[in-house]
Amino acid sequence: MQASMLLLLKGNQGMTSNDLAKHYKLQPSAITRLVDCLVDQSLATRLASAHDRRVS
């Protein structure tokens, strides 16, 4: 799943967690855990959305 997600993100930079959840038909919480693993391994980075006003 991680390799598939990396390939998807490579071609679609800027996808949100919700976009990923819809693509993989998973709950957003499951995507968060997968992305956390990619970030922990320095394979992906998380960027704050300019449109999301929540504090991160």
C-alpha atoms as a PDB file:
ATOM      1  CA  MET A   1       0.000   0.000   0.000  1.00  0.00           C
ATOM      2  CA  GLN A   2       2.830   2.418   0.810  1.00  0.00           C
ATOM      3  CA  ALA A   3       4.490   1.958  -2.583  1.00  0.00           C
ATOM      4  CA  SER A   4       1.176   2.500  -4.344  1.00  0.00           C
ATOM      5  CA  MET A   5       0.552   5.656  -2.309  1.00  0.00           C
ATOM      6  CA  LEU A   6       4.024   7.011  -3.079  1.00  0.00           C
ATOM      7  CA  LEU A   7       3.469   6.515  -6.805  1.00  0.00           C
ATOM      8  CA  LEU A   8       0.069   8.174  -6.601  1.00  0.00           C
ATOM      9  CA  LEU A   9       1.467  11.144  -4.680  1.00  0.00           C
ATOM     10  CA  LYS A  10       4.385  11.500  -7.076  1.00  0.00           C
ATOM     11  CA  GLY A  11       1.962  12.127  -9.924  1.00  0.00           C
ATOM     12  CA  ASN A  12      -0.551  14.103  -7.870  1.00  0.00           C
ATOM     13  CA  GLN A  13       1.333  16.340  -5.480  1.00  0.00           C
ATOM     14  CA  GLY A  14      -0.918  18.292  -3.178  1.00  0.00           C
ATOM     15  CA  MET A  15      -3.469  15.544  -2.588  1.00  0.00           C
ATOM     16  CA  THR A  16      -5.224  15.843   0.737  1.00  0.00           C
ATOM     17  CA  SER A  17      -5.786  13.034   3.213  1.00  0.00           C
ATOM     18  CA  ASN A  18      -9.446  13.080   2.217  1.00  0.00           C
ATOM     19  CA  ASP A  19      -8.464  12.700  -1.447  1.00  0.00           C
ATOM     20  CA  LEU A  20      -6.329   9.685  -0.530  1.00  0.00           C
ATOM     21  CA  ALA A  21      -9.098   8.188   1.608  1.00  0.00           C
ATOM     22  CA  LYS A  22     -11.576   8.458  -1.269  1.00  0.00           C
ATOM     23  CA  HIS A  23      -9.087   7.026  -3.775  1.00  0.00           C
ATOM     24  CA  TYR A  24      -8.285   3.991  -1.615  1.00  0.00           C
ATOM     25  CA  LYS A  25     -11.815   3.694  -0.186  1.00  0.00           C
ATOM     26  CA  LEU A  26     -10.460   3.870   3.365  1.00  0.00           C
ATOM     27  CA  GLN A  27     -11.363   5.868   6.429  1.00  0.00           C
ATOM     28  CA  PRO A  28      -9.368   9.108   6.844  1.00  0.00           C
ATOM     29  CA  SER A  29      -7.922   7.772  10.114  1.00  0.00           C
ATOM     30  CA  ALA A  30      -6.400   4.819   8.253  1.00  0.00           C
ATOM     31  CA  ILE A  31      -4.829   7.193   5.730  1.00  0.00           C
ATOM     32  CA  THR A  32      -3.432   9.315   8.545  1.00  0.00           C
ATOM     33  CA  ARG A  33      -1.628   6.267   9.963  1.00  0.00           C
ATOM     34  CA  LEU A  34      -0.245   5.327   6.534  1.00  0.00           C
ATOM     35  CA  VAL A  35       0.947   8.874   5.846  1.00  0.00           C
ATOM     36  CA  ASP A  36       2.477   9.051   9.335  1.00  0.00           C
ATOM     37  CA  CYS A  37       4.582   5.982   8.450  1.00  0.00           C
ATOM     38  CA  LEU A  38       5.712   7.565   5.168  1.00  0.00           C
ATOM     39  CA  VAL A  39       6.620  10.801   6.946  1.00  0.00           C
ATOM     40  CA  ASP A  40       8.471   8.917   9.717  1.00  0.00           C
ATOM     41  CA  GLN A  41      10.532   7.168   7.032  1.00  0.00           C
ATOM     42  CA  SER A  42      11.227  10.517   5.295  1.00  0.00           C
ATOM     43  CA  LEU A  43       9.451   9.262   2.184  1.00  0.00           C
ATOM     44  CA  ALA A  44       6.787  11.990   2.232  1.00  0.00           C
ATOM     45  CA  THR A  45       6.204  15.383   3.783  1.00  0.00           C
ATOM     46  CA  ARG A  46       3.068  16.954   5.138  1.00  0.00           C
ATOM     47  CA  LEU A  47       2.214  20.501   4.147  1.00  0.00           C
ATOM     48  CA  ALA A  48      -0.351  22.675   5.881  1.00  0.00           C
ATOM     49  CA  SER A  49      -3.224  23.787   3.701  1.00  0.00           C
ATOM     50  CA  ALA A  50      -3.650  27.507   3.210  1.00  0.00           C
ATOM     51  CA  HIS A  51      -7.408  26.858   3.175  1.00  0.00           C
ATOM     52  CA  ASP A  52      -7.522  24.916   6.462  1.00  0.00           C
ATOM     53  CA  ARG A  53      -7.741  27.257   9.404  1.00  0.00           C
ATOM     54  CA  ARG A  54      -7.349  24.573  12.089  1.00  0.00           C
ATOM     55  CA  VAL A  55      -4.256  24.837  14.229  1.00  0.00           C
ATOM     56  CA  SER A  56      -1.773  22.098  13.502  1.00  0.00           C
END
